[in-house]
């Protein structure tokens, strides 16, 4: 418990000031977070390889380069739009698939490795890029999104431990309950909506706000389950031990990644 409290304090001390400052400082910080998250996702698959079968360093370097390019793509914009043409995607296909033939070693790098690496780069690259763009768009708006995830997760944990009896997805995450899901959603939606009406736009249609916020709360919890399924698949408890009591970067950013992605769908109504 002390470790978890220490980890939470560490997150707040480092993350909140940079979130409020924004600009290139926040973009640089999110890039570091994205790189560390990618390393965790990559290590989840490749960590069991022995020292003689590590992926070539050139391929690792290219992967990190592609990831950083996506995270910082159009980083100074305050609009929700990804500027990425087919030339970039074509280059990515070359970078990740041609080495299968060049290396010609199934144990070192194969088709599944290429698909996993390409998917990880695009998924995390675009996700963390959207976090930067959302902060550029509005500090109040990104606080609203973080409020959804933190309040939902906090109350889901508390209510689940207090009255949870029915497992939500036992094979993926044994500790999550249906009662926690419902309680976390209700409280997360209530607090986030109250914030939105008070700080962002008191004249918004309440029905639209409730629908959007409820969807975002549920998607955050689904995102948590998606990343839990990855851990379960690769038989790991946490993505890393970077944050005391909390695990790794992806253990903390799993919900917000899916919330930010889903928020784009509601851009016209909230």
Protein backbone atom coordinates (compact mmCIF):
# COMPACT_ATOMS: atom_id res chain seq x y z
CA UNK A 1 0.00 0.00 0.00
CA UNK A 2 2.87 2.36 0.85
CA UNK A 3 4.50 1.58 -2.48
CA UNK A 4 1.26 2.32 -4.33
CA UNK A 5 0.88 5.65 -2.51
CA UNK A 6 4.50 6.50 -3.30
CA UNK A 7 3.94 5.62 -6.96
CA UNK A 8 0.81 7.77 -7.13
CA UNK A 9 2.65 10.71 -5.58
CA UNK A 10 5.49 10.25 -8.06
CA UNK A 11 3.06 10.30 -10.98
CA UNK A 12 1.34 13.46 -9.73
CA UNK A 13 4.58 15.33 -9.01
CA UNK A 14 6.04 14.64 -12.46
CA UNK A 15 2.98 14.42 -14.70
CA UNK A 16 0.66 17.20 -13.50
CA UNK A 17 3.11 20.12 -13.82
CA UNK A 18 4.04 19.06 -17.35
CA UNK A 19 0.36 18.62 -18.24
CA UNK A 20 -0.38 22.19 -17.14
CA UNK A 21 2.72 23.60 -18.86
CA UNK A 22 1.95 21.85 -22.16
CA UNK A 23 3.80 22.84 -25.34
CA UNK A 24 7.08 21.11 -26.23
CA UNK A 25 7.75 20.07 -22.63
CA UNK A 26 4.62 17.97 -22.49
CA UNK A 27 5.23 16.62 -26.00
CA UNK A 28 8.77 15.60 -25.04
CA UNK A 29 7.51 13.91 -21.86
CA UNK A 30 4.77 12.00 -23.69
CA UNK A 31 7.35 10.87 -26.26
CA UNK A 32 9.46 9.38 -23.47
CA UNK A 33 6.35 7.75 -22.02
CA UNK A 34 5.46 6.34 -25.45
CA UNK A 35 8.96 4.93 -25.98
CA UNK A 36 8.93 3.27 -22.56
CA UNK A 37 5.43 1.89 -23.22
CA UNK A 38 6.56 0.47 -26.55
CA UNK A 39 9.55 -1.16 -24.88
CA UNK A 40 7.19 -2.78 -22.37
CA UNK A 41 4.90 -4.06 -25.09
CA UNK A 42 7.84 -5.33 -27.11
CA UNK A 43 9.51 -6.96 -24.12
CA UNK A 44 6.24 -8.74 -23.30
CA UNK A 45 6.65 -10.75 -26.49
CA UNK A 46 10.39 -11.00 -26.89
CA UNK A 47 11.70 -11.20 -23.31
CA UNK A 48 11.74 -15.02 -23.30
CA UNK A 49 14.27 -15.20 -26.11
CA UNK A 50 17.72 -16.20 -25.01
CA UNK A 51 20.69 -13.88 -25.36
CA UNK A 52 21.76 -15.45 -28.63
CA UNK A 53 18.39 -14.80 -30.25
CA UNK A 54 17.86 -11.12 -29.52
CA UNK A 55 16.39 -8.95 -32.28
CA UNK A 56 19.05 -7.11 -34.32
CA UNK A 57 19.84 -3.65 -32.90
CA UNK A 58 19.26 -2.02 -36.30
CA UNK A 59 15.68 -3.27 -36.31
CA UNK A 60 15.16 -2.00 -32.78
CA UNK A 61 16.57 1.40 -33.73
CA UNK A 62 14.29 1.64 -36.78
CA UNK A 63 11.27 0.64 -34.68
CA UNK A 64 11.91 3.34 -32.09
CA UNK A 65 12.53 5.86 -34.85
CA UNK A 66 9.18 5.09 -36.50
CA UNK A 67 7.42 5.27 -33.14
CA UNK A 68 8.91 8.66 -32.25
CA UNK A 69 8.01 9.98 -35.70
CA UNK A 70 4.36 9.02 -35.18
CA UNK A 71 4.18 10.42 -31.65
CA UNK A 72 5.64 13.78 -32.69
CA UNK A 73 3.89 13.94 -36.06
CA UNK A 74 2.25 17.38 -36.30
CA UNK A 75 2.84 17.70 -32.53
CA UNK A 76 2.26 21.47 -32.34
CA UNK A 77 -1.21 21.35 -33.90
CA UNK A 78 -4.30 22.00 -31.78
CA UNK A 79 -6.62 20.14 -34.14
CA UNK A 80 -7.71 16.50 -33.89
CA UNK A 81 -6.24 15.30 -37.16
CA UNK A 82 -3.52 12.86 -38.06
CA UNK A 83 -1.45 13.99 -41.04
CA UNK A 84 0.01 10.77 -42.37
CA UNK A 85 0.20 9.89 -46.07
CA UNK A 86 0.69 6.59 -47.83
CA UNK A 87 4.40 7.21 -48.35
CA UNK A 88 4.98 6.94 -44.62
CA UNK A 89 2.88 3.78 -44.35
CA UNK A 90 4.73 2.29 -47.33
CA UNK A 91 8.05 3.03 -45.63
CA UNK A 92 6.82 1.32 -42.47
CA UNK A 93 5.89 -1.80 -44.43
CA UNK A 94 9.37 -1.91 -45.94
CA UNK A 95 11.06 -1.33 -42.57
CA UNK A 96 9.20 -4.11 -40.77
CA UNK A 97 8.66 -6.75 -43.45
CA UNK A 98 11.79 -6.75 -45.61
CA UNK A 99 14.00 -7.84 -42.64
CA UNK A 100 12.10 -11.15 -42.61
CA UNK A 101 13.85 -11.99 -45.90
CA UNK A 102 17.16 -10.30 -45.10
CA UNK A 103 17.61 -12.09 -41.78
CA UNK A 104 16.10 -15.34 -43.06
CA UNK A 105 15.96 -16.71 -39.53
CA UNK A 106 12.57 -17.68 -38.07
CA UNK A 107 13.97 -17.71 -34.55
CA UNK A 108 15.26 -14.15 -34.76
CA UNK A 109 12.50 -12.41 -36.71
CA UNK A 110 9.46 -13.81 -38.49
CA UNK A 111 6.10 -12.74 -39.91
CA UNK A 112 4.39 -12.73 -36.52
CA UNK A 113 7.18 -10.58 -35.10
CA UNK A 114 6.80 -8.12 -37.97
CA UNK A 115 3.02 -7.88 -37.54
CA UNK A 116 3.34 -7.45 -33.78
CA UNK A 117 6.02 -4.77 -34.07
CA UNK A 118 4.22 -2.85 -36.83
CA UNK A 119 0.93 -2.98 -34.94
CA UNK A 120 2.58 -1.84 -31.71
CA UNK A 121 4.31 1.09 -33.40
CA UNK A 122 1.15 2.33 -35.13
CA UNK A 123 -1.14 1.72 -32.14
CA UNK A 124 1.05 3.40 -29.53
CA UNK A 125 2.41 6.02 -31.91
CA UNK A 126 -1.03 7.31 -32.88
CA UNK A 127 -2.39 6.96 -29.32
CA UNK A 128 0.31 9.06 -27.68
CA UNK A 129 0.20 11.52 -30.57
CA UNK A 130 -3.50 12.01 -29.84
CA UNK A 131 -2.72 12.67 -26.18
CA UNK A 132 -0.39 15.50 -27.26
CA UNK A 133 -2.94 16.91 -29.72
CA UNK A 134 -5.70 16.73 -27.10
CA UNK A 135 -3.56 18.71 -24.64
CA UNK A 136 -2.86 21.29 -27.36
CA UNK A 137 -6.58 21.52 -28.07
CA UNK A 138 -7.57 22.23 -24.48
CA UNK A 139 -6.14 21.71 -21.01
CA UNK A 140 -9.65 21.58 -19.57
CA UNK A 141 -10.72 18.93 -22.08
CA UNK A 142 -7.80 16.58 -21.45
CA UNK A 143 -8.37 16.98 -17.70
CA UNK A 144 -11.96 15.88 -18.34
CA UNK A 145 -10.70 12.73 -20.09
CA UNK A 146 -8.19 11.95 -17.34
CA UNK A 147 -10.89 12.57 -14.76
CA UNK A 148 -13.07 9.94 -16.41
CA UNK A 149 -10.34 7.30 -16.26
CA UNK A 150 -9.04 8.07 -12.76
CA UNK A 151 -12.46 8.31 -11.13
CA UNK A 152 -13.78 5.26 -12.95
CA UNK A 153 -10.73 3.17 -12.03
CA UNK A 154 -10.69 4.38 -8.41
CA UNK A 155 -14.35 3.71 -7.71
CA UNK A 156 -14.37 0.46 -9.67
CA UNK A 157 -11.54 -0.78 -7.44
CA UNK A 158 -13.16 0.46 -4.25
CA UNK A 159 -16.69 -0.74 -4.98
CA UNK A 160 -15.43 -4.03 -6.40
CA UNK A 161 -13.54 -4.77 -3.20
CA UNK A 162 -16.45 -3.62 -1.05
CA UNK A 163 -19.42 -5.41 -2.63
CA UNK A 164 -18.09 -7.18 -5.73
CA UNK A 165 -19.30 -10.77 -6.05
CA UNK A 166 -19.75 -11.41 -9.78
CA UNK A 167 -16.58 -11.71 -11.87
CA UNK A 168 -16.42 -9.54 -14.97
CA UNK A 169 -13.76 -11.36 -17.01
CA UNK A 170 -12.13 -13.86 -14.67
CA UNK A 171 -9.81 -15.41 -17.26
CA UNK A 172 -8.41 -12.02 -18.18
CA UNK A 173 -8.51 -10.06 -14.92
CA UNK A 174 -9.62 -12.14 -11.90
CA UNK A 175 -10.08 -9.17 -9.57
CA UNK A 176 -12.51 -7.18 -11.71
CA UNK A 177 -16.22 -7.50 -10.93
CA UNK A 178 -19.48 -6.49 -12.57
CA UNK A 179 -20.36 -4.47 -9.47
CA UNK A 180 -17.05 -2.62 -9.80
CA UNK A 181 -17.72 -1.95 -13.48
CA UNK A 182 -21.16 -0.48 -12.74
CA UNK A 183 -20.07 1.49 -9.68
CA UNK A 184 -16.97 2.85 -11.36
CA UNK A 185 -18.93 3.88 -14.43
CA UNK A 186 -21.66 5.63 -12.45
CA UNK A 187 -19.25 7.59 -10.24
CA UNK A 188 -16.80 8.32 -13.05
CA UNK A 189 -19.58 9.64 -15.28
CA UNK A 190 -21.13 11.70 -12.47
CA UNK A 191 -17.87 13.40 -11.44
CA UNK A 192 -16.63 13.96 -15.01
CA UNK A 193 -19.99 15.37 -16.14
CA UNK A 194 -20.11 17.70 -13.14
CA UNK A 195 -16.63 18.93 -14.06
CA UNK A 196 -17.56 19.37 -17.73
CA UNK A 197 -20.69 21.37 -16.92
CA UNK A 198 -18.85 23.52 -14.39
CA UNK A 199 -15.58 24.17 -16.21
CA UNK A 200 -15.96 23.53 -19.94
CA UNK A 201 -19.49 24.10 -21.22
CA UNK A 202 -22.55 24.52 -18.95
CA UNK A 203 -24.84 24.85 -22.00
CA UNK A 204 -24.14 21.45 -23.55
CA UNK A 205 -27.01 19.05 -24.09
CA UNK A 206 -27.05 16.87 -20.99
CA UNK A 207 -28.11 13.74 -22.90
CA UNK A 208 -25.21 14.09 -25.32
CA UNK A 209 -22.76 14.61 -22.47
CA UNK A 210 -24.09 11.59 -20.56
CA UNK A 211 -23.93 9.32 -23.62
CA UNK A 212 -20.40 10.41 -24.54
CA UNK A 213 -19.03 10.27 -20.99
CA UNK A 214 -20.60 6.87 -20.28
CA UNK A 215 -19.15 5.48 -23.50
CA UNK A 216 -15.70 6.88 -22.66
CA UNK A 217 -15.86 5.42 -19.15
CA UNK A 218 -16.74 1.99 -20.51
CA UNK A 219 -14.07 2.18 -23.22
CA UNK A 220 -11.47 3.03 -20.60
CA UNK A 221 -12.37 -0.11 -18.69
CA UNK A 222 -12.36 -2.16 -21.89
CA UNK A 223 -8.91 -0.75 -22.66
CA UNK A 224 -7.75 -1.93 -19.25
CA UNK A 225 -9.04 -5.42 -20.10
CA UNK A 226 -7.35 -5.38 -23.51
CA UNK A 227 -3.95 -4.71 -21.95
CA UNK A 228 -4.70 -7.23 -19.19
CA UNK A 229 -5.33 -9.82 -21.88
CA UNK A 230 -1.90 -9.07 -23.36
CA UNK A 231 -0.30 -9.64 -19.96
CA UNK A 232 -2.29 -12.81 -19.47
CA UNK A 233 -1.29 -14.05 -22.93
CA UNK A 234 2.41 -13.55 -22.21
CA UNK A 235 2.08 -14.70 -18.58
CA UNK A 236 3.27 -11.51 -16.88
CA UNK A 237 1.80 -9.68 -13.89
CA UNK A 238 2.86 -6.14 -14.82
CA UNK A 239 4.37 -4.66 -17.96
CA UNK A 240 7.33 -3.50 -15.87
CA UNK A 241 8.25 -2.35 -12.36
CA UNK A 242 8.98 1.24 -13.36
CA UNK A 243 6.35 2.85 -11.10
CA UNK A 244 6.36 1.58 -7.49
CA UNK A 245 3.14 -0.21 -6.67
CA UNK A 246 1.63 0.49 -10.08
CA UNK A 247 3.66 -1.55 -12.54
CA UNK A 248 4.73 -0.05 -15.83
CA UNK A 249 3.73 2.75 -18.17
CA UNK A 250 1.08 0.66 -19.92
CA UNK A 251 -0.37 -0.42 -16.58
CA UNK A 252 -1.18 3.26 -15.94
CA UNK A 253 -1.94 4.50 -19.45
CA UNK A 254 -4.05 1.56 -20.66
CA UNK A 255 -7.39 3.25 -19.96
CA UNK A 256 -6.53 6.75 -21.17
CA UNK A 257 -5.23 5.38 -24.47
CA UNK A 258 -8.64 3.95 -25.33
CA UNK A 259 -10.47 6.97 -23.92
CA UNK A 260 -8.49 9.41 -26.08
CA UNK A 261 -9.00 7.28 -29.18
CA UNK A 262 -12.75 7.06 -28.53
CA UNK A 263 -13.06 10.76 -27.69
CA UNK A 264 -12.30 11.58 -31.33
CA UNK A 265 -15.63 9.99 -32.27
CA UNK A 266 -17.44 12.48 -30.04
CA UNK A 267 -15.58 15.58 -31.16
CA UNK A 268 -18.68 17.16 -32.69
CA UNK A 269 -20.89 16.81 -29.60
CA UNK A 270 -18.54 17.38 -26.64
